[in-house]
Amino acid sequence: QVQLVESGGGLVQAGGSLRLSCAASGSIFRINTMAWYRQAPGKQRELVATIRASGKTNYADSVKGRFTISRDNAKNTVYLQMNSLKPEDTAVYYCNLNEGVYYRDYWGQGTQVTVSS
């Protein structure tokens, strides 16, 4: 089993910054991708950013230029640096890890990010 522990959420004013962290532990054979998703009240969960084993990254259009995803492979940890935050970024942010030859998905418990106007 794989466990994901997120941290770093909170309340911030519009224009501010937050950094989310997600540490993975357990039986990790091979990390294929790590990603951040978010879910706002009444909306579907959406992909925010992905980082592949190669280091290649992808971002949702709504966060390009403001958010940066990175990884510390030695610590099996993924980060999401969020700058120039907007009220519409308010959501529960979830860490996702895709692992192994069977491409299993694991999820963190979620961390709340609230951006006030």
N, C-alpha and C. Protein backbone atom coordinates (compact mmCIF):
# COMPACT_ATOMS: atom_id res chain seq x y z
N GLN A 1 0.83 -1.20 0.00
CA GLN A 1 0.00 0.00 0.00
C GLN A 1 0.86 1.25 0.00
N VAL A 2 0.28 2.31 -0.53
CA VAL A 2 0.96 3.60 -0.60
C VAL A 2 0.13 4.61 0.18
N GLN A 3 0.81 5.41 0.96
CA GLN A 3 0.15 6.47 1.72
C GLN A 3 0.66 7.83 1.24
N LEU A 4 -0.26 8.77 1.14
CA LEU A 4 0.07 10.13 0.73
C LEU A 4 -0.38 11.08 1.83
N VAL A 5 0.53 11.92 2.28
CA VAL A 5 0.20 12.89 3.32
C VAL A 5 0.45 14.29 2.78
N GLU A 6 -0.61 15.08 2.74
CA GLU A 6 -0.52 16.44 2.21
C GLU A 6 -0.41 17.44 3.34
N SER A 7 0.18 18.58 3.03
CA SER A 7 0.25 19.67 3.98
C SER A 7 0.41 20.98 3.22
N GLY A 8 0.19 22.09 3.93
CA GLY A 8 0.46 23.38 3.34
C GLY A 8 -0.75 24.20 2.96
N GLY A 9 -1.94 23.65 3.09
CA GLY A 9 -3.13 24.44 2.76
C GLY A 9 -3.39 25.50 3.80
N GLY A 10 -4.37 26.37 3.52
CA GLY A 10 -4.72 27.39 4.47
C GLY A 10 -5.50 28.51 3.83
N LEU A 11 -5.59 29.61 4.56
CA LEU A 11 -6.32 30.80 4.12
C LEU A 11 -5.32 31.87 3.71
N VAL A 12 -5.53 32.46 2.55
CA VAL A 12 -4.62 33.49 2.05
C VAL A 12 -5.44 34.53 1.28
N GLN A 13 -4.95 35.74 1.26
CA GLN A 13 -5.62 36.78 0.50
C GLN A 13 -5.28 36.67 -0.97
N ALA A 14 -6.16 37.19 -1.80
CA ALA A 14 -5.92 37.20 -3.24
C ALA A 14 -4.59 37.88 -3.53
N GLY A 15 -3.84 37.27 -4.44
CA GLY A 15 -2.51 37.76 -4.77
C GLY A 15 -1.40 37.11 -3.96
N GLY A 16 -1.77 36.39 -2.94
CA GLY A 16 -0.79 35.73 -2.08
C GLY A 16 -0.31 34.41 -2.63
N SER A 17 0.50 33.73 -1.82
CA SER A 17 1.12 32.47 -2.24
C SER A 17 0.95 31.40 -1.16
N LEU A 18 0.93 30.17 -1.61
CA LEU A 18 0.95 29.02 -0.73
C LEU A 18 1.78 27.93 -1.40
N ARG A 19 2.35 27.06 -0.58
CA ARG A 19 3.09 25.91 -1.10
C ARG A 19 2.54 24.64 -0.48
N LEU A 20 2.03 23.77 -1.33
CA LEU A 20 1.52 22.48 -0.88
C LEU A 20 2.61 21.42 -1.01
N SER A 21 2.59 20.48 -0.07
CA SER A 21 3.52 19.35 -0.11
C SER A 21 2.74 18.05 -0.01
N CYS A 22 3.27 17.02 -0.62
CA CYS A 22 2.66 15.69 -0.55
C CYS A 22 3.78 14.66 -0.47
N ALA A 23 3.85 13.98 0.66
CA ALA A 23 4.89 12.97 0.86
C ALA A 23 4.29 11.58 0.70
N ALA A 24 4.94 10.77 -0.12
CA ALA A 24 4.49 9.41 -0.37
C ALA A 24 5.34 8.42 0.40
N SER A 25 4.70 7.41 0.94
CA SER A 25 5.42 6.36 1.66
C SER A 25 4.72 5.02 1.44
N GLY A 26 5.42 3.94 1.82
CA GLY A 26 4.84 2.62 1.67
C GLY A 26 5.53 1.83 0.58
N SER A 27 4.80 0.90 0.01
CA SER A 27 5.35 -0.01 -0.99
C SER A 27 5.31 0.65 -2.38
N ILE A 28 6.33 1.42 -2.66
CA ILE A 28 6.41 2.13 -3.93
C ILE A 28 7.43 1.43 -4.81
N PHE A 29 6.95 0.85 -5.88
CA PHE A 29 7.86 0.18 -6.82
C PHE A 29 8.45 1.18 -7.81
N ARG A 30 7.55 1.91 -8.44
CA ARG A 30 7.98 2.89 -9.44
C ARG A 30 6.91 3.96 -9.55
N ILE A 31 7.31 5.20 -9.37
CA ILE A 31 6.36 6.30 -9.53
C ILE A 31 6.30 6.67 -11.01
N ASN A 32 5.12 6.60 -11.57
CA ASN A 32 4.94 6.99 -12.98
C ASN A 32 4.70 8.49 -13.09
N THR A 33 3.69 8.93 -12.37
CA THR A 33 3.39 10.36 -12.32
C THR A 33 2.93 10.74 -10.92
N MET A 34 3.12 12.00 -10.60
CA MET A 34 2.50 12.59 -9.42
C MET A 34 1.76 13.83 -9.90
N ALA A 35 0.66 14.12 -9.24
CA ALA A 35 -0.17 15.21 -9.73
C ALA A 35 -0.95 15.85 -8.59
N TRP A 36 -1.45 17.03 -8.87
CA TRP A 36 -2.36 17.73 -7.99
C TRP A 36 -3.69 17.93 -8.71
N TYR A 37 -4.76 17.63 -8.00
CA TYR A 37 -6.11 17.89 -8.46
C TYR A 37 -6.76 18.83 -7.45
N ARG A 38 -7.89 19.39 -7.85
CA ARG A 38 -8.64 20.19 -6.90
C ARG A 38 -10.13 20.04 -7.16
N GLN A 39 -10.89 20.26 -6.10
CA GLN A 39 -12.34 20.17 -6.21
C GLN A 39 -12.97 21.29 -5.42
N ALA A 40 -13.64 22.17 -6.12
CA ALA A 40 -14.37 23.26 -5.49
C ALA A 40 -15.78 22.80 -5.16
N PRO A 41 -16.44 23.46 -4.22
CA PRO A 41 -17.80 23.06 -3.83
C PRO A 41 -18.74 23.05 -5.04
N GLY A 42 -19.46 21.95 -5.21
CA GLY A 42 -20.41 21.85 -6.29
C GLY A 42 -19.82 21.59 -7.66
N LYS A 43 -18.52 21.39 -7.71
CA LYS A 43 -17.85 21.16 -9.00
C LYS A 43 -17.14 19.82 -9.00
N GLN A 44 -16.82 19.36 -10.22
CA GLN A 44 -16.08 18.11 -10.35
C GLN A 44 -14.61 18.33 -10.05
N ARG A 45 -13.97 17.25 -9.65
CA ARG A 45 -12.54 17.31 -9.42
C ARG A 45 -11.84 17.56 -10.75
N GLU A 46 -10.85 18.46 -10.73
CA GLU A 46 -10.14 18.79 -11.96
C GLU A 46 -8.64 18.69 -11.76
N LEU A 47 -7.96 18.35 -12.85
CA LEU A 47 -6.51 18.24 -12.83
C LEU A 47 -5.89 19.64 -12.82
N VAL A 48 -4.96 19.84 -11.91
CA VAL A 48 -4.26 21.12 -11.81
C VAL A 48 -2.89 21.04 -12.48
N ALA A 49 -2.10 20.04 -12.09
CA ALA A 49 -0.75 19.92 -12.63
C ALA A 49 -0.25 18.49 -12.47
N THR A 50 0.61 18.09 -13.40
CA THR A 50 1.18 16.75 -13.40
C THR A 50 2.68 16.83 -13.62
N ILE A 51 3.41 15.94 -12.96
CA ILE A 51 4.83 15.81 -13.23
C ILE A 51 5.15 14.34 -13.44
N ARG A 52 5.78 14.04 -14.55
CA ARG A 52 6.11 12.66 -14.91
C ARG A 52 7.45 12.26 -14.31
N ALA A 53 7.74 10.97 -14.40
CA ALA A 53 9.03 10.47 -13.92
C ALA A 53 10.19 11.16 -14.65
N SER A 54 9.95 11.54 -15.89
CA SER A 54 10.97 12.22 -16.67
C SER A 54 11.20 13.66 -16.22
N GLY A 55 10.25 14.16 -15.43
CA GLY A 55 10.33 15.55 -15.00
C GLY A 55 9.45 16.48 -15.83
N LYS A 56 8.86 15.94 -16.90
CA LYS A 56 7.99 16.75 -17.73
C LYS A 56 6.74 17.14 -16.95
N THR A 57 6.34 18.39 -17.12
CA THR A 57 5.19 18.90 -16.39
C THR A 57 4.08 19.35 -17.33
N ASN A 58 2.87 19.33 -16.82
CA ASN A 58 1.71 19.84 -17.53
C ASN A 58 0.82 20.58 -16.56
N TYR A 59 0.17 21.61 -17.06
CA TYR A 59 -0.66 22.44 -16.20
C TYR A 59 -2.03 22.70 -16.85
N ALA A 60 -3.02 22.87 -16.00
CA ALA A 60 -4.30 23.35 -16.49
C ALA A 60 -4.12 24.79 -16.95
N ASP A 61 -4.86 25.16 -17.98
CA ASP A 61 -4.72 26.53 -18.51
C ASP A 61 -4.97 27.58 -17.44
N SER A 62 -5.87 27.28 -16.52
CA SER A 62 -6.25 28.27 -15.51
C SER A 62 -5.13 28.59 -14.52
N VAL A 63 -4.10 27.74 -14.46
CA VAL A 63 -3.03 27.98 -13.48
C VAL A 63 -1.66 28.20 -14.13
N LYS A 64 -1.58 28.09 -15.44
CA LYS A 64 -0.31 28.28 -16.13
C LYS A 64 0.27 29.65 -15.83
N GLY A 65 1.55 29.66 -15.51
CA GLY A 65 2.23 30.90 -15.21
C GLY A 65 2.11 31.34 -13.75
N ARG A 66 1.23 30.66 -13.00
CA ARG A 66 1.05 31.02 -11.59
C ARG A 66 1.46 29.88 -10.66
N PHE A 67 1.23 28.64 -11.09
CA PHE A 67 1.53 27.47 -10.25
C PHE A 67 2.74 26.73 -10.83
N THR A 68 3.52 26.13 -9.95
CA THR A 68 4.66 25.32 -10.36
C THR A 68 4.67 24.01 -9.58
N ILE A 69 4.70 22.90 -10.30
CA ILE A 69 4.79 21.59 -9.67
C ILE A 69 6.24 21.12 -9.74
N SER A 70 6.71 20.51 -8.66
CA SER A 70 8.07 19.99 -8.62
C SER A 70 8.12 18.74 -7.77
N ARG A 71 9.23 18.01 -7.88
CA ARG A 71 9.38 16.76 -7.14
C ARG A 71 10.76 16.67 -6.50
N ASP A 72 10.79 16.02 -5.34
CA ASP A 72 12.04 15.62 -4.72
C ASP A 72 12.03 14.10 -4.74
N ASN A 73 12.73 13.52 -5.70
CA ASN A 73 12.67 12.07 -5.88
C ASN A 73 13.24 11.31 -4.68
N ALA A 74 14.23 11.88 -4.05
CA ALA A 74 14.83 11.21 -2.89
C ALA A 74 13.85 11.09 -1.73
N LYS A 75 12.93 12.05 -1.65
CA LYS A 75 11.96 12.06 -0.56
C LYS A 75 10.57 11.59 -0.99
N ASN A 76 10.43 11.21 -2.26
CA ASN A 76 9.12 10.83 -2.80
C ASN A 76 8.06 11.88 -2.46
N THR A 77 8.43 13.11 -2.67
CA THR A 77 7.57 14.23 -2.31
C THR A 77 7.32 15.11 -3.52
N VAL A 78 6.09 15.55 -3.66
CA VAL A 78 5.74 16.48 -4.73
C VAL A 78 5.25 17.77 -4.09
N TYR A 79 5.54 18.87 -4.75
CA TYR A 79 5.18 20.20 -4.25
C TYR A 79 4.33 20.93 -5.28
N LEU A 80 3.53 21.85 -4.81
CA LEU A 80 2.81 22.75 -5.69
C LEU A 80 2.97 24.16 -5.14
N GLN A 81 3.78 24.94 -5.82
CA GLN A 81 3.95 26.34 -5.45
C GLN A 81 2.87 27.14 -6.16
N MET A 82 2.05 27.82 -5.40
CA MET A 82 0.92 28.57 -5.95
C MET A 82 1.13 30.05 -5.67
N ASN A 83 1.29 30.82 -6.73
CA ASN A 83 1.49 32.27 -6.63
C ASN A 83 0.31 33.00 -7.26
N SER A 84 0.20 34.26 -6.95
CA SER A 84 -0.86 35.10 -7.53
C SER A 84 -2.22 34.43 -7.40
N LEU A 85 -2.49 33.95 -6.21
CA LEU A 85 -3.73 33.20 -5.99
C LEU A 85 -4.96 34.07 -6.18
N LYS A 86 -6.00 33.43 -6.70
CA LYS A 86 -7.27 34.10 -6.97
C LYS A 86 -8.39 33.41 -6.16
N PRO A 87 -9.47 34.12 -5.90
CA PRO A 87 -10.58 33.48 -5.17
C PRO A 87 -11.08 32.21 -5.86
N GLU A 88 -10.99 32.16 -7.17
CA GLU A 88 -11.46 30.97 -7.90
C GLU A 88 -10.52 29.78 -7.73
N ASP A 89 -9.38 29.98 -7.10
CA ASP A 89 -8.50 28.85 -6.78
C ASP A 89 -8.94 28.14 -5.50
N THR A 90 -9.93 28.69 -4.82
CA THR A 90 -10.43 28.09 -3.59
C THR A 90 -10.98 26.69 -3.87
N ALA A 91 -10.46 25.70 -3.16
CA ALA A 91 -10.86 24.30 -3.39
C ALA A 91 -10.14 23.42 -2.38
N VAL A 92 -10.55 22.16 -2.35
CA VAL A 92 -9.76 21.14 -1.68
C VAL A 92 -8.78 20.58 -2.70
N TYR A 93 -7.52 20.59 -2.36
CA TYR A 93 -6.48 20.12 -3.26
C TYR A 93 -6.05 18.71 -2.86
N TYR A 94 -6.02 17.84 -3.85
CA TYR A 94 -5.69 16.44 -3.61
C TYR A 94 -4.42 16.06 -4.35
N CYS A 95 -3.58 15.32 -3.68
CA CYS A 95 -2.38 14.76 -4.28
C CYS A 95 -2.72 13.39 -4.88
N ASN A 96 -2.15 13.12 -6.03
CA ASN A 96 -2.35 11.85 -6.71
C ASN A 96 -1.00 11.26 -7.08
N LEU A 97 -0.89 9.95 -6.90
CA LEU A 97 0.32 9.23 -7.31
C LEU A 97 -0.11 8.04 -8.16
N ASN A 98 0.53 7.90 -9.30
CA ASN A 98 0.29 6.74 -10.17
C ASN A 98 1.54 5.89 -10.13
N GLU A 99 1.37 4.63 -9.78
CA GLU A 99 2.53 3.81 -9.40
C GLU A 99 2.54 2.45 -10.03
N GLY A 100 3.74 1.95 -10.36
CA GLY A 100 3.95 0.56 -10.72
C GLY A 100 3.59 0.20 -12.14
N VAL A 101 3.75 -1.08 -12.42
CA VAL A 101 3.52 -1.58 -13.77
C VAL A 101 2.04 -1.67 -14.10
N TYR A 102 1.20 -1.66 -13.05
CA TYR A 102 -0.25 -1.68 -13.28
C TYR A 102 -0.89 -0.31 -13.19
N TYR A 103 -0.09 0.70 -13.03
CA TYR A 103 -0.55 2.10 -13.05
C TYR A 103 -1.69 2.33 -12.05
N ARG A 104 -1.45 1.93 -10.82
CA ARG A 104 -2.44 2.15 -9.77
C ARG A 104 -2.42 3.60 -9.31
N ASP A 105 -3.62 4.08 -9.00
CA ASP A 105 -3.76 5.45 -8.51
C ASP A 105 -3.96 5.46 -7.00
N TYR A 106 -3.27 6.39 -6.34
CA TYR A 106 -3.44 6.60 -4.91
C TYR A 106 -3.73 8.08 -4.69
N TRP A 107 -4.52 8.36 -3.63
CA TRP A 107 -4.94 9.73 -3.35
C TRP A 107 -4.62 10.11 -1.91
N GLY A 108 -4.30 11.39 -1.75
CA GLY A 108 -4.18 11.94 -0.42
C GLY A 108 -5.54 12.29 0.14
N GLN A 109 -5.54 12.77 1.38
CA GLN A 109 -6.80 13.06 2.06
C GLN A 109 -7.37 14.42 1.67
N GLY A 110 -6.56 15.23 1.03
CA GLY A 110 -7.00 16.56 0.62
C GLY A 110 -6.60 17.62 1.63
N THR A 111 -6.31 18.80 1.12
CA THR A 111 -5.99 19.94 1.96
C THR A 111 -6.75 21.16 1.43
N GLN A 112 -7.36 21.90 2.34
CA GLN A 112 -8.20 23.04 1.94
C GLN A 112 -7.35 24.27 1.64
N VAL A 113 -7.62 24.88 0.51
CA VAL A 113 -7.03 26.16 0.15
C VAL A 113 -8.18 27.15 -0.03
N THR A 114 -8.12 28.23 0.72
CA THR A 114 -9.15 29.26 0.64
C THR A 114 -8.49 30.59 0.34
N VAL A 115 -8.94 31.23 -0.74
CA VAL A 115 -8.40 32.52 -1.16
C VAL A 115 -9.48 33.57 -1.00
N SER A 116 -9.24 34.53 -0.15
CA SER A 116 -10.22 35.58 0.10
C SER A 116 -9.98 36.78 -0.82
N SER A 117 -11.05 37.44 -1.19
CA SER A 117 -10.93 38.59 -2.11
C SER A 117 -10.74 39.89 -1.35
